[in-house]
Amino acid sequence: MPDYALESANGAPEKSVVGLDEVGRGPLAGPVIAAALIFLTPPVAALATLIDDSKKLTAKRRDAAYAALMQTPSVRVGLGAASVAEIEAINIGKACHLAMKRALQHLGIIPDCALVDGNRLPDLGCPAVAVVGGDRKSLSIAGASIIAKVTRDRLMTRLSERHNAYGWEKNAGYGTALHMAGLKQAGVTPHHRREFAPIRAHLAGAAHMVGAI
């Protein structure tokens, strides 16, 4: 379970220590969403016990943790995104860093330190520490992972109402069997990442079929 040790080691709560995480690196459709989260005071036990790596939580527990975080006055959150067009223009790694940078900007705080999930650091304009597996170690990063995951899942559910062949409300844009079947049935949407290999292969196959007619 994540705890507050990394935040304390970097000077919190006397210094402002922000956790940063993103979701949406692997899906075939949809944007990358990042969240920046800071506990202005150390989280109370009742809140801390709700927080874990978002991938470990059920949807119900994620929603409960999301609501608790968003309703806690001592928690501040910033969100950032990188669009499909940006992912295709600059690559997924740079797009994730761009979303993180925007999340920090929207937080409205220039922190003394940022704890960033992963092994590479974006240019945030403040001191930062890369934390591999950070959403399993740091409450701030884990909280950010929950905010980002719930935000993105809800966005993909809204998109699925207009593009209902792909099951995005269930798979959040990942390349499940349902999603791939939807591609065969309904083709590629503007929300698909055309530079990702499965979408590129689908487009190449569709072009080949047209050319063969």
N, C-alpha and C. Protein backbone atom coordinates (compact mmCIF):
# COMPACT_ATOMS: atom_id res chain seq x y z
N MET A 1 0.84 -1.21 0.00
CA MET A 1 0.00 0.00 0.00
C MET A 1 0.87 1.26 0.00
N PRO A 2 0.48 2.27 -0.73
CA PRO A 2 1.25 3.52 -0.71
C PRO A 2 1.14 4.21 0.64
N ASP A 3 2.13 5.03 0.95
CA ASP A 3 2.09 5.80 2.19
C ASP A 3 2.64 7.19 1.94
N TYR A 4 2.87 7.92 3.02
CA TYR A 4 3.27 9.33 2.94
C TYR A 4 4.78 9.51 3.12
N ALA A 5 5.53 8.40 3.11
CA ALA A 5 6.96 8.47 3.43
C ALA A 5 7.74 9.28 2.40
N LEU A 6 7.47 9.10 1.12
CA LEU A 6 8.21 9.85 0.10
C LEU A 6 7.92 11.34 0.19
N GLU A 7 6.69 11.68 0.47
CA GLU A 7 6.34 13.09 0.65
C GLU A 7 7.11 13.67 1.84
N SER A 8 7.12 12.94 2.94
CA SER A 8 7.83 13.42 4.13
C SER A 8 9.32 13.54 3.87
N ALA A 9 9.88 12.57 3.16
CA ALA A 9 11.32 12.59 2.87
C ALA A 9 11.71 13.79 2.02
N ASN A 10 10.75 14.33 1.28
CA ASN A 10 11.03 15.49 0.44
C ASN A 10 10.50 16.79 1.04
N GLY A 11 10.20 16.74 2.36
CA GLY A 11 9.92 17.98 3.08
C GLY A 11 8.48 18.28 3.38
N ALA A 12 7.53 17.43 2.93
CA ALA A 12 6.12 17.69 3.21
C ALA A 12 5.83 17.44 4.69
N PRO A 13 4.86 18.16 5.25
CA PRO A 13 3.98 19.16 4.62
C PRO A 13 4.53 20.59 4.64
N GLU A 14 5.69 20.79 5.30
CA GLU A 14 6.25 22.15 5.32
C GLU A 14 6.56 22.63 3.91
N LYS A 15 7.03 21.73 3.06
CA LYS A 15 7.24 22.04 1.65
C LYS A 15 6.12 21.42 0.83
N SER A 16 5.83 22.03 -0.31
CA SER A 16 4.76 21.52 -1.17
C SER A 16 5.30 20.40 -2.06
N VAL A 17 4.76 19.21 -1.88
CA VAL A 17 5.19 18.03 -2.64
C VAL A 17 3.98 17.48 -3.39
N VAL A 18 4.08 17.48 -4.71
CA VAL A 18 2.98 17.08 -5.59
C VAL A 18 3.25 15.70 -6.16
N GLY A 19 2.20 14.89 -6.29
CA GLY A 19 2.28 13.63 -7.01
C GLY A 19 1.70 13.77 -8.40
N LEU A 20 2.36 13.15 -9.38
CA LEU A 20 1.92 13.22 -10.78
C LEU A 20 1.83 11.82 -11.38
N ASP A 21 0.74 11.56 -12.08
CA ASP A 21 0.60 10.30 -12.80
C ASP A 21 -0.28 10.52 -14.02
N GLU A 22 -0.18 9.61 -14.98
CA GLU A 22 -1.01 9.69 -16.17
C GLU A 22 -1.64 8.34 -16.44
N VAL A 23 -2.71 8.35 -17.21
CA VAL A 23 -3.33 7.13 -17.70
C VAL A 23 -3.61 7.31 -19.19
N GLY A 24 -3.65 6.18 -19.90
CA GLY A 24 -3.96 6.24 -21.32
C GLY A 24 -2.76 6.07 -22.22
N ARG A 25 -1.68 5.52 -21.70
CA ARG A 25 -0.50 5.31 -22.54
C ARG A 25 -0.75 4.21 -23.59
N GLY A 26 -1.46 3.17 -23.20
CA GLY A 26 -1.58 1.99 -24.07
C GLY A 26 -2.81 1.86 -24.93
N PRO A 27 -3.91 2.56 -24.68
CA PRO A 27 -5.12 2.37 -25.48
C PRO A 27 -4.93 2.71 -26.96
N LEU A 28 -5.83 2.19 -27.78
CA LEU A 28 -5.82 2.48 -29.21
C LEU A 28 -6.64 3.71 -29.56
N ALA A 29 -7.37 4.23 -28.57
CA ALA A 29 -8.23 5.39 -28.82
C ALA A 29 -8.28 6.28 -27.59
N GLY A 30 -8.55 7.55 -27.84
CA GLY A 30 -8.72 8.50 -26.75
C GLY A 30 -7.44 9.21 -26.35
N PRO A 31 -7.58 10.27 -25.57
CA PRO A 31 -6.44 11.08 -25.15
C PRO A 31 -5.69 10.44 -23.98
N VAL A 32 -4.55 11.03 -23.67
CA VAL A 32 -3.85 10.77 -22.41
C VAL A 32 -4.37 11.78 -21.39
N ILE A 33 -4.64 11.32 -20.18
CA ILE A 33 -5.06 12.20 -19.10
C ILE A 33 -4.05 12.09 -17.95
N ALA A 34 -3.62 13.22 -17.43
CA ALA A 34 -2.71 13.24 -16.29
C ALA A 34 -3.35 14.02 -15.15
N ALA A 35 -2.93 13.68 -13.94
CA ALA A 35 -3.40 14.42 -12.76
C ALA A 35 -2.21 14.78 -11.89
N ALA A 36 -2.29 15.95 -11.30
CA ALA A 36 -1.35 16.39 -10.27
C ALA A 36 -2.15 16.54 -8.98
N LEU A 37 -1.61 16.00 -7.89
CA LEU A 37 -2.35 16.02 -6.63
C LEU A 37 -1.42 16.36 -5.48
N ILE A 38 -1.89 17.23 -4.60
CA ILE A 38 -1.12 17.59 -3.42
C ILE A 38 -2.02 17.53 -2.18
N PHE A 39 -1.48 16.96 -1.12
CA PHE A 39 -2.11 17.01 0.19
C PHE A 39 -1.53 18.23 0.92
N LEU A 40 -2.36 19.22 1.17
CA LEU A 40 -1.88 20.42 1.86
C LEU A 40 -1.54 20.11 3.32
N THR A 41 -2.19 19.11 3.86
CA THR A 41 -1.85 18.57 5.17
C THR A 41 -1.79 17.05 5.02
N PRO A 42 -1.05 16.35 5.86
CA PRO A 42 -0.96 14.89 5.72
C PRO A 42 -2.36 14.26 5.73
N PRO A 43 -2.62 13.31 4.85
CA PRO A 43 -3.96 12.72 4.78
C PRO A 43 -4.30 11.95 6.04
N VAL A 44 -5.55 12.11 6.49
CA VAL A 44 -6.00 11.35 7.65
C VAL A 44 -6.14 9.89 7.26
N ALA A 45 -6.13 9.02 8.28
CA ALA A 45 -6.13 7.57 8.03
C ALA A 45 -7.35 7.14 7.22
N ALA A 46 -8.51 7.73 7.51
CA ALA A 46 -9.74 7.33 6.81
C ALA A 46 -9.64 7.57 5.31
N LEU A 47 -8.95 8.63 4.92
CA LEU A 47 -8.74 8.91 3.50
C LEU A 47 -7.63 8.04 2.94
N ALA A 48 -6.53 7.93 3.66
CA ALA A 48 -5.37 7.17 3.17
C ALA A 48 -5.72 5.72 2.87
N THR A 49 -6.61 5.13 3.69
CA THR A 49 -6.95 3.72 3.47
C THR A 49 -7.76 3.49 2.21
N LEU A 50 -8.34 4.55 1.65
CA LEU A 50 -9.08 4.42 0.39
C LEU A 50 -8.17 4.43 -0.83
N ILE A 51 -6.94 4.88 -0.64
CA ILE A 51 -6.06 5.19 -1.78
C ILE A 51 -5.10 4.04 -2.05
N ASP A 52 -5.04 3.65 -3.31
CA ASP A 52 -4.08 2.65 -3.77
C ASP A 52 -3.84 2.89 -5.25
N ASP A 53 -2.90 2.15 -5.82
CA ASP A 53 -2.70 2.15 -7.26
C ASP A 53 -4.06 1.95 -7.93
N SER A 54 -4.43 2.84 -8.83
CA SER A 54 -5.76 2.78 -9.44
C SER A 54 -6.01 1.46 -10.15
N LYS A 55 -4.95 0.83 -10.67
CA LYS A 55 -5.11 -0.44 -11.39
C LYS A 55 -5.48 -1.58 -10.44
N LYS A 56 -5.21 -1.41 -9.16
CA LYS A 56 -5.53 -2.45 -8.18
C LYS A 56 -6.95 -2.34 -7.64
N LEU A 57 -7.59 -1.22 -7.85
CA LEU A 57 -8.91 -0.97 -7.28
C LEU A 57 -10.02 -1.36 -8.25
N THR A 58 -11.12 -1.86 -7.71
CA THR A 58 -12.31 -2.05 -8.52
C THR A 58 -12.86 -0.69 -8.92
N ALA A 59 -13.73 -0.67 -9.93
CA ALA A 59 -14.32 0.59 -10.36
C ALA A 59 -15.09 1.24 -9.21
N LYS A 60 -15.76 0.45 -8.41
CA LYS A 60 -16.53 0.99 -7.28
C LYS A 60 -15.61 1.64 -6.26
N ARG A 61 -14.50 0.98 -5.94
CA ARG A 61 -13.56 1.54 -4.97
C ARG A 61 -12.84 2.76 -5.54
N ARG A 62 -12.55 2.75 -6.83
CA ARG A 62 -11.94 3.93 -7.45
C ARG A 62 -12.87 5.12 -7.36
N ASP A 63 -14.15 4.89 -7.65
CA ASP A 63 -15.12 5.98 -7.61
C ASP A 63 -15.25 6.54 -6.19
N ALA A 64 -15.22 5.64 -5.20
CA ALA A 64 -15.30 6.10 -3.81
C ALA A 64 -14.08 6.91 -3.42
N ALA A 65 -12.90 6.45 -3.83
CA ALA A 65 -11.68 7.18 -3.52
C ALA A 65 -11.65 8.52 -4.25
N TYR A 66 -12.09 8.52 -5.50
CA TYR A 66 -12.16 9.75 -6.29
C TYR A 66 -13.05 10.78 -5.59
N ALA A 67 -14.24 10.34 -5.17
CA ALA A 67 -15.17 11.25 -4.52
C ALA A 67 -14.58 11.80 -3.22
N ALA A 68 -13.93 10.92 -2.45
CA ALA A 68 -13.35 11.35 -1.18
C ALA A 68 -12.23 12.36 -1.41
N LEU A 69 -11.39 12.12 -2.39
CA LEU A 69 -10.30 13.05 -2.68
C LEU A 69 -10.84 14.40 -3.14
N MET A 70 -11.81 14.37 -4.03
CA MET A 70 -12.33 15.62 -4.59
C MET A 70 -13.11 16.43 -3.56
N GLN A 71 -13.61 15.77 -2.53
CA GLN A 71 -14.41 16.46 -1.51
C GLN A 71 -13.60 16.88 -0.28
N THR A 72 -12.32 16.55 -0.27
CA THR A 72 -11.47 16.88 0.88
C THR A 72 -10.84 18.26 0.68
N PRO A 73 -11.12 19.22 1.54
CA PRO A 73 -10.61 20.58 1.33
C PRO A 73 -9.09 20.68 1.31
N SER A 74 -8.40 19.78 1.98
CA SER A 74 -6.94 19.85 2.03
C SER A 74 -6.27 19.14 0.85
N VAL A 75 -7.06 18.68 -0.11
CA VAL A 75 -6.53 18.05 -1.31
C VAL A 75 -6.74 18.98 -2.49
N ARG A 76 -5.67 19.22 -3.23
CA ARG A 76 -5.77 20.03 -4.45
C ARG A 76 -5.42 19.17 -5.64
N VAL A 77 -6.17 19.34 -6.74
CA VAL A 77 -6.00 18.50 -7.93
C VAL A 77 -5.92 19.38 -9.17
N GLY A 78 -5.03 19.02 -10.08
CA GLY A 78 -4.98 19.63 -11.41
C GLY A 78 -5.02 18.54 -12.46
N LEU A 79 -5.73 18.79 -13.55
CA LEU A 79 -5.85 17.82 -14.63
C LEU A 79 -5.24 18.38 -15.91
N GLY A 80 -4.65 17.49 -16.70
CA GLY A 80 -4.10 17.86 -17.99
C GLY A 80 -4.32 16.75 -18.98
N ALA A 81 -4.35 17.09 -20.26
CA ALA A 81 -4.58 16.09 -21.30
C ALA A 81 -3.67 16.34 -22.49
N ALA A 82 -3.44 15.29 -23.26
CA ALA A 82 -2.82 15.40 -24.58
C ALA A 82 -3.73 14.68 -25.55
N SER A 83 -4.08 15.35 -26.62
CA SER A 83 -5.07 14.84 -27.56
C SER A 83 -4.48 13.74 -28.45
N VAL A 84 -5.37 13.07 -29.17
CA VAL A 84 -4.92 12.06 -30.14
C VAL A 84 -4.01 12.70 -31.18
N ALA A 85 -4.36 13.90 -31.65
CA ALA A 85 -3.52 14.59 -32.64
C ALA A 85 -2.13 14.86 -32.08
N GLU A 86 -2.05 15.24 -30.81
CA GLU A 86 -0.74 15.49 -30.19
C GLU A 86 0.04 14.19 -30.00
N ILE A 87 -0.65 13.13 -29.61
CA ILE A 87 0.01 11.83 -29.47
C ILE A 87 0.64 11.42 -30.79
N GLU A 88 -0.08 11.61 -31.89
CA GLU A 88 0.43 11.22 -33.20
C GLU A 88 1.55 12.14 -33.68
N ALA A 89 1.49 13.39 -33.26
CA ALA A 89 2.49 14.36 -33.72
C ALA A 89 3.82 14.23 -32.99
N ILE A 90 3.79 13.93 -31.68
CA ILE A 90 5.03 13.99 -30.90
C ILE A 90 5.42 12.65 -30.25
N ASN A 91 4.61 11.65 -30.35
CA ASN A 91 4.74 10.28 -29.83
C ASN A 91 4.14 10.18 -28.42
N ILE A 92 3.82 8.97 -28.02
CA ILE A 92 3.06 8.77 -26.80
C ILE A 92 3.85 9.16 -25.55
N GLY A 93 5.16 8.89 -25.53
CA GLY A 93 5.94 9.25 -24.35
C GLY A 93 5.95 10.75 -24.10
N LYS A 94 6.20 11.52 -25.15
CA LYS A 94 6.21 12.98 -25.02
C LYS A 94 4.82 13.51 -24.71
N ALA A 95 3.79 12.87 -25.25
CA ALA A 95 2.43 13.30 -24.98
C ALA A 95 2.08 13.09 -23.51
N CYS A 96 2.54 11.99 -22.92
CA CYS A 96 2.31 11.75 -21.49
C CYS A 96 2.95 12.86 -20.66
N HIS A 97 4.17 13.23 -21.02
CA HIS A 97 4.86 14.30 -20.30
C HIS A 97 4.17 15.64 -20.50
N LEU A 98 3.65 15.88 -21.70
CA LEU A 98 2.92 17.11 -21.96
C LEU A 98 1.67 17.19 -21.09
N ALA A 99 0.95 16.07 -20.98
CA ALA A 99 -0.26 16.04 -20.14
C ALA A 99 0.10 16.30 -18.68
N MET A 100 1.21 15.73 -18.20
CA MET A 100 1.64 15.97 -16.83
C MET A 100 1.97 17.44 -16.60
N LYS A 101 2.67 18.03 -17.55
CA LYS A 101 3.03 19.44 -17.42
C LYS A 101 1.77 20.31 -17.35
N ARG A 102 0.77 19.99 -18.15
CA ARG A 102 -0.47 20.75 -18.12
C ARG A 102 -1.23 20.53 -16.81
N ALA A 103 -1.19 19.30 -16.29
CA ALA A 103 -1.85 19.02 -15.02
C ALA A 103 -1.24 19.87 -13.90
N LEU A 104 0.09 19.96 -13.91
CA LEU A 104 0.76 20.76 -12.88
C LEU A 104 0.41 22.24 -13.03
N GLN A 105 0.34 22.72 -14.27
CA GLN A 105 -0.04 24.11 -14.51
C GLN A 105 -1.45 24.40 -13.99
N HIS A 106 -2.36 23.44 -14.19
CA HIS A 106 -3.74 23.63 -13.76
C HIS A 106 -3.91 23.46 -12.25
N LEU A 107 -2.92 22.87 -11.60
CA LEU A 107 -2.97 22.76 -10.15
C LEU A 107 -2.88 24.14 -9.50
N GLY A 108 -2.18 25.05 -10.16
CA GLY A 108 -2.08 26.41 -9.65
C GLY A 108 -1.04 26.60 -8.56
N ILE A 109 -0.18 25.60 -8.36
CA ILE A 109 0.88 25.67 -7.36
C ILE A 109 2.20 25.33 -8.03
N ILE A 110 3.23 26.14 -7.80
CA ILE A 110 4.58 25.74 -8.21
C ILE A 110 5.19 25.01 -7.03
N PRO A 111 5.29 23.69 -7.09
CA PRO A 111 5.69 22.93 -5.91
C PRO A 111 7.18 23.02 -5.63
N ASP A 112 7.54 22.72 -4.41
CA ASP A 112 8.96 22.57 -4.08
C ASP A 112 9.52 21.29 -4.67
N CYS A 113 8.65 20.29 -4.85
CA CYS A 113 9.10 19.01 -5.41
C CYS A 113 7.90 18.31 -6.03
N ALA A 114 8.15 17.63 -7.16
CA ALA A 114 7.13 16.80 -7.79
C ALA A 114 7.60 15.35 -7.79
N LEU A 115 6.75 14.46 -7.33
CA LEU A 115 7.00 13.02 -7.39
C LEU A 115 6.28 12.50 -8.63
N VAL A 116 7.04 11.96 -9.58
CA VAL A 116 6.50 11.59 -10.88
C VAL A 116 6.56 10.07 -11.05
N ASP A 117 5.43 9.46 -11.34
CA ASP A 117 5.42 8.03 -11.57
C ASP A 117 6.20 7.69 -12.84
N GLY A 118 7.10 6.71 -12.74
CA GLY A 118 7.86 6.28 -13.91
C GLY A 118 9.35 6.50 -13.73
N ASN A 119 10.10 6.26 -14.81
CA ASN A 119 11.56 6.38 -14.74
C ASN A 119 12.11 7.54 -15.56
N ARG A 120 11.22 8.36 -16.11
CA ARG A 120 11.66 9.53 -16.88
C ARG A 120 10.89 10.75 -16.39
N LEU A 121 11.57 11.88 -16.42
CA LEU A 121 10.97 13.10 -15.89
C LEU A 121 10.61 14.08 -17.01
N PRO A 122 9.40 14.60 -16.99
CA PRO A 122 9.07 15.72 -17.89
C PRO A 122 9.73 16.99 -17.40
N ASP A 123 9.79 17.98 -18.27
CA ASP A 123 10.31 19.29 -17.89
C ASP A 123 9.19 20.06 -17.22
N LEU A 124 9.20 20.06 -15.90
CA LEU A 124 8.10 20.66 -15.13
C LEU A 124 8.40 22.05 -14.63
N GLY A 125 9.65 22.47 -14.70
CA GLY A 125 10.01 23.78 -14.18
C GLY A 125 10.15 23.81 -12.67
N CYS A 126 10.30 22.65 -12.04
CA CYS A 126 10.49 22.56 -10.60
C CYS A 126 11.29 21.30 -10.31
N PRO A 127 11.91 21.18 -9.14
CA PRO A 127 12.60 19.94 -8.80
C PRO A 127 11.63 18.75 -8.86
N ALA A 128 12.12 17.62 -9.35
CA ALA A 128 11.25 16.45 -9.50
C ALA A 128 12.04 15.18 -9.25
N VAL A 129 11.31 14.16 -8.81
CA VAL A 129 11.89 12.85 -8.53
C VAL A 129 11.09 11.81 -9.30
N ALA A 130 11.78 11.00 -10.10
CA ALA A 130 11.12 9.89 -10.80
C ALA A 130 10.99 8.72 -9.82
N VAL A 131 9.79 8.17 -9.74
CA VAL A 131 9.52 7.08 -8.80
C VAL A 131 8.94 5.91 -9.57
N VAL A 132 9.75 4.90 -9.82
CA VAL A 132 9.27 3.71 -10.52
C VAL A 132 8.26 2.98 -9.63
N GLY A 133 7.10 2.67 -10.19
CA GLY A 133 6.05 2.07 -9.38
C GLY A 133 5.50 3.02 -8.34
N GLY A 134 5.52 4.31 -8.66
CA GLY A 134 5.15 5.32 -7.68
C GLY A 134 3.73 5.22 -7.18
N ASP A 135 2.82 4.71 -8.02
CA ASP A 135 1.43 4.59 -7.57
C ASP A 135 1.24 3.48 -6.55
N ARG A 136 2.28 2.68 -6.32
CA ARG A 136 2.24 1.68 -5.25
C ARG A 136 3.01 2.14 -4.02
N LYS A 137 3.67 3.31 -4.10
CA LYS A 137 4.55 3.77 -3.03
C LYS A 137 4.10 5.08 -2.39
N SER A 138 3.64 6.00 -3.20
CA SER A 138 3.34 7.35 -2.74
C SER A 138 1.84 7.61 -2.75
N LEU A 139 1.31 8.11 -1.64
CA LEU A 139 -0.12 8.44 -1.59
C LEU A 139 -0.48 9.55 -2.59
N SER A 140 0.43 10.50 -2.78
CA SER A 140 0.13 11.59 -3.72
C SER A 140 0.06 11.07 -5.15
N ILE A 141 1.01 10.21 -5.52
CA ILE A 141 0.99 9.64 -6.87
C ILE A 141 -0.21 8.72 -7.04
N ALA A 142 -0.48 7.88 -6.04
CA ALA A 142 -1.63 6.97 -6.12
C ALA A 142 -2.93 7.76 -6.23
N GLY A 143 -3.05 8.84 -5.45
CA GLY A 143 -4.23 9.68 -5.56
C GLY A 143 -4.37 10.28 -6.94
N ALA A 144 -3.25 10.73 -7.51
CA ALA A 144 -3.27 11.28 -8.86
C ALA A 144 -3.68 10.21 -9.87
N SER A 145 -3.22 8.98 -9.67
CA SER A 145 -3.58 7.90 -10.60
C SER A 145 -5.07 7.63 -10.57
N ILE A 146 -5.68 7.73 -9.39
CA ILE A 146 -7.13 7.52 -9.27
C ILE A 146 -7.90 8.64 -9.98
N ILE A 147 -7.49 9.88 -9.73
CA ILE A 147 -8.16 11.02 -10.37
C ILE A 147 -8.06 10.91 -11.89
N ALA A 148 -6.87 10.60 -12.40
CA ALA A 148 -6.67 10.51 -13.84
C ALA A 148 -7.47 9.36 -14.44
N LYS A 149 -7.45 8.20 -13.78
CA LYS A 149 -8.13 7.01 -14.29
C LYS A 149 -9.64 7.23 -14.34
N VAL A 150 -10.23 7.72 -13.27
CA VAL A 150 -11.68 7.93 -13.25
C VAL A 150 -12.07 8.98 -14.28
N THR A 151 -11.30 10.05 -14.37
CA THR A 151 -11.59 11.10 -15.35
C THR A 151 -11.57 10.55 -16.76
N ARG A 152 -10.54 9.77 -17.09
CA ARG A 152 -10.44 9.24 -18.45
C ARG A 152 -11.52 8.20 -18.74
N ASP A 153 -11.79 7.33 -17.78
CA ASP A 153 -12.83 6.31 -17.98
C ASP A 153 -14.18 6.97 -18.25
N ARG A 154 -14.48 8.03 -17.52
CA ARG A 154 -15.76 8.71 -17.73
C ARG A 154 -15.80 9.39 -19.09
N LEU A 155 -14.67 9.94 -19.51
CA LEU A 155 -14.59 10.55 -20.85
C LEU A 155 -14.84 9.50 -21.93
N MET A 156 -14.19 8.33 -21.80
CA MET A 156 -14.37 7.29 -22.80
C MET A 156 -15.80 6.75 -22.81
N THR A 157 -16.44 6.73 -21.65
CA THR A 157 -17.85 6.33 -21.60
C THR A 157 -18.71 7.32 -22.36
N ARG A 158 -18.43 8.62 -22.20
CA ARG A 158 -19.19 9.62 -22.96
C ARG A 158 -18.95 9.48 -24.45
N LEU A 159 -17.71 9.22 -24.85
CA LEU A 159 -17.41 9.04 -26.27
C LEU A 159 -18.10 7.80 -26.83
N SER A 160 -18.27 6.78 -25.99
CA SER A 160 -18.90 5.55 -26.45
C SER A 160 -20.37 5.75 -26.80
N GLU A 161 -20.98 6.79 -26.24
CA GLU A 161 -22.38 7.07 -26.56
C GLU A 161 -22.54 7.52 -28.01
N ARG A 162 -21.47 8.11 -28.56
CA ARG A 162 -21.50 8.54 -29.97
C ARG A 162 -20.87 7.50 -30.89
N HIS A 163 -20.01 6.67 -30.33
CA HIS A 163 -19.31 5.64 -31.11
C HIS A 163 -19.48 4.32 -30.36
N ASN A 164 -20.64 3.70 -30.56
CA ASN A 164 -21.01 2.59 -29.69
C ASN A 164 -20.59 1.21 -30.17
N ALA A 165 -19.79 1.14 -31.22
CA ALA A 165 -19.40 -0.17 -31.75
C ALA A 165 -18.19 -0.76 -31.04
N TYR A 166 -17.49 0.02 -30.21
CA TYR A 166 -16.16 -0.38 -29.75
C TYR A 166 -16.10 -0.80 -28.28
N GLY A 167 -17.18 -0.58 -27.55
CA GLY A 167 -17.18 -0.95 -26.14
C GLY A 167 -16.28 -0.11 -25.27
N TRP A 168 -16.11 1.16 -25.62
CA TRP A 168 -15.18 2.01 -24.85
C TRP A 168 -15.63 2.21 -23.42
N GLU A 169 -16.93 2.08 -23.17
CA GLU A 169 -17.42 2.20 -21.80
C GLU A 169 -16.93 1.03 -20.93
N LYS A 170 -16.49 -0.04 -21.58
CA LYS A 170 -15.97 -1.21 -20.86
C LYS A 170 -14.45 -1.32 -20.94
N ASN A 171 -13.87 -0.97 -22.09
CA ASN A 171 -12.43 -1.19 -22.28
C ASN A 171 -11.60 0.08 -22.30
N ALA A 172 -12.25 1.25 -22.18
CA ALA A 172 -11.56 2.55 -22.13
C ALA A 172 -10.62 2.79 -23.31
N GLY A 173 -10.91 2.11 -24.42
CA GLY A 173 -10.10 2.32 -25.62
C GLY A 173 -8.99 1.32 -25.82
N TYR A 174 -8.79 0.41 -24.86
CA TYR A 174 -7.76 -0.62 -25.04
C TYR A 174 -8.19 -1.62 -26.12
N GLY A 175 -7.22 -2.34 -26.65
CA GLY A 175 -7.46 -3.20 -27.80
C GLY A 175 -8.05 -4.56 -27.45
N THR A 176 -9.19 -4.57 -26.81
CA THR A 176 -9.87 -5.82 -26.47
C THR A 176 -10.50 -6.44 -27.72
N ALA A 177 -10.98 -7.67 -27.56
CA ALA A 177 -11.64 -8.34 -28.68
C ALA A 177 -12.86 -7.55 -29.15
N LEU A 178 -13.61 -6.98 -28.20
CA LEU A 178 -14.78 -6.18 -28.55
C LEU A 178 -14.38 -4.95 -29.35
N HIS A 179 -13.30 -4.30 -28.94
CA HIS A 179 -12.83 -3.12 -29.66
C HIS A 179 -12.39 -3.49 -31.07
N MET A 180 -11.65 -4.56 -31.20
CA MET A 180 -11.16 -4.96 -32.53
C MET A 180 -12.31 -5.38 -33.44
N ALA A 181 -13.34 -6.02 -32.85
CA ALA A 181 -14.52 -6.37 -33.65
C ALA A 181 -15.23 -5.11 -34.13
N GLY A 182 -15.26 -4.09 -33.27
CA GLY A 182 -15.87 -2.83 -33.65
C GLY A 182 -15.14 -2.16 -34.80
N LEU A 183 -13.82 -2.28 -34.80
CA LEU A 183 -13.03 -1.72 -35.91
C LEU A 183 -13.42 -2.37 -37.23
N LYS A 184 -13.59 -3.69 -37.21
CA LYS A 184 -13.98 -4.40 -38.44
C LYS A 184 -15.38 -4.00 -38.89
N GLN A 185 -16.25 -3.76 -37.91
CA GLN A 185 -17.64 -3.43 -38.21
C GLN A 185 -17.80 -1.98 -38.65
N ALA A 186 -17.19 -1.05 -37.90
CA ALA A 186 -17.49 0.38 -38.07
C ALA A 186 -16.30 1.21 -38.54
N GLY A 187 -15.11 0.62 -38.58
CA GLY A 187 -13.95 1.35 -39.05
C GLY A 187 -13.33 2.24 -37.99
N VAL A 188 -12.47 3.14 -38.44
CA VAL A 188 -11.66 3.98 -37.56
C VAL A 188 -12.34 5.34 -37.37
N THR A 189 -12.35 5.82 -36.12
CA THR A 189 -12.93 7.12 -35.80
C THR A 189 -11.82 8.17 -35.66
N PRO A 190 -12.17 9.44 -35.54
CA PRO A 190 -11.16 10.47 -35.27
C PRO A 190 -10.49 10.30 -33.91
N HIS A 191 -11.08 9.49 -33.04
CA HIS A 191 -10.52 9.29 -31.71
C HIS A 191 -9.51 8.15 -31.67
N HIS A 192 -9.33 7.44 -32.76
CA HIS A 192 -8.35 6.35 -32.81
C HIS A 192 -6.95 6.90 -33.10
N ARG A 193 -5.97 6.24 -32.52
CA ARG A 193 -4.57 6.61 -32.69
C ARG A 193 -4.01 5.87 -33.90
N ARG A 194 -3.98 6.57 -35.01
CA ARG A 194 -3.65 5.93 -36.29
C ARG A 194 -2.20 5.48 -36.37
N GLU A 195 -1.33 6.02 -35.53
CA GLU A 195 0.07 5.61 -35.55
C GLU A 195 0.34 4.38 -34.69
N PHE A 196 -0.66 3.93 -33.92
CA PHE A 196 -0.49 2.71 -33.14
C PHE A 196 -0.64 1.51 -34.06
N ALA A 197 0.19 0.50 -33.86
CA ALA A 197 0.32 -0.61 -34.81
C ALA A 197 -1.01 -1.28 -35.16
N PRO A 198 -1.89 -1.62 -34.21
CA PRO A 198 -3.14 -2.30 -34.60
C PRO A 198 -4.03 -1.44 -35.49
N ILE A 199 -4.06 -0.13 -35.22
CA ILE A 199 -4.88 0.76 -36.06
C ILE A 199 -4.22 0.92 -37.42
N ARG A 200 -2.91 1.07 -37.44
CA ARG A 200 -2.19 1.17 -38.71
C ARG A 200 -2.40 -0.08 -39.55
N ALA A 201 -2.36 -1.25 -38.91
CA ALA A 201 -2.56 -2.52 -39.62
C ALA A 201 -3.98 -2.61 -40.16
N HIS A 202 -4.95 -2.17 -39.35
CA HIS A 202 -6.34 -2.19 -39.81
C HIS A 202 -6.52 -1.28 -41.04
N LEU A 203 -5.95 -0.09 -40.98
CA LEU A 203 -6.07 0.84 -42.10
C LEU A 203 -5.39 0.28 -43.35
N ALA A 204 -4.23 -0.33 -43.15
CA ALA A 204 -3.52 -0.91 -44.30
C ALA A 204 -4.33 -2.05 -44.91
N GLY A 205 -4.95 -2.86 -44.05
CA GLY A 205 -5.77 -3.95 -44.55
C GLY A 205 -7.00 -3.45 -45.29
N ALA A 206 -7.62 -2.40 -44.75
CA ALA A 206 -8.79 -1.84 -45.40
C ALA A 206 -8.42 -1.24 -46.76
N ALA A 207 -7.27 -0.56 -46.83
CA ALA A 207 -6.81 0.00 -48.09
C ALA A 207 -6.51 -1.10 -49.10
N HIS A 208 -5.94 -2.21 -48.64
CA HIS A 208 -5.63 -3.32 -49.52
C HIS A 208 -6.91 -3.92 -50.09
N MET A 209 -7.94 -4.04 -49.22
CA MET A 209 -9.22 -4.62 -49.68
C MET A 209 -9.84 -3.71 -50.73
N VAL A 210 -9.78 -2.38 -50.51
CA VAL A 210 -10.34 -1.44 -51.49
C VAL A 210 -9.57 -1.54 -52.81
N GLY A 211 -8.23 -1.63 -52.70
CA GLY A 211 -7.41 -1.71 -53.89
C GLY A 211 -7.64 -2.98 -54.68
N ALA A 212 -8.07 -4.02 -53.99
CA ALA A 212 -8.27 -5.31 -54.68
C ALA A 212 -9.59 -5.38 -55.40
N ILE A 213 -10.51 -4.44 -55.08
CA ILE A 213 -11.83 -4.48 -55.72
C ILE A 213 -11.74 -4.01 -57.17
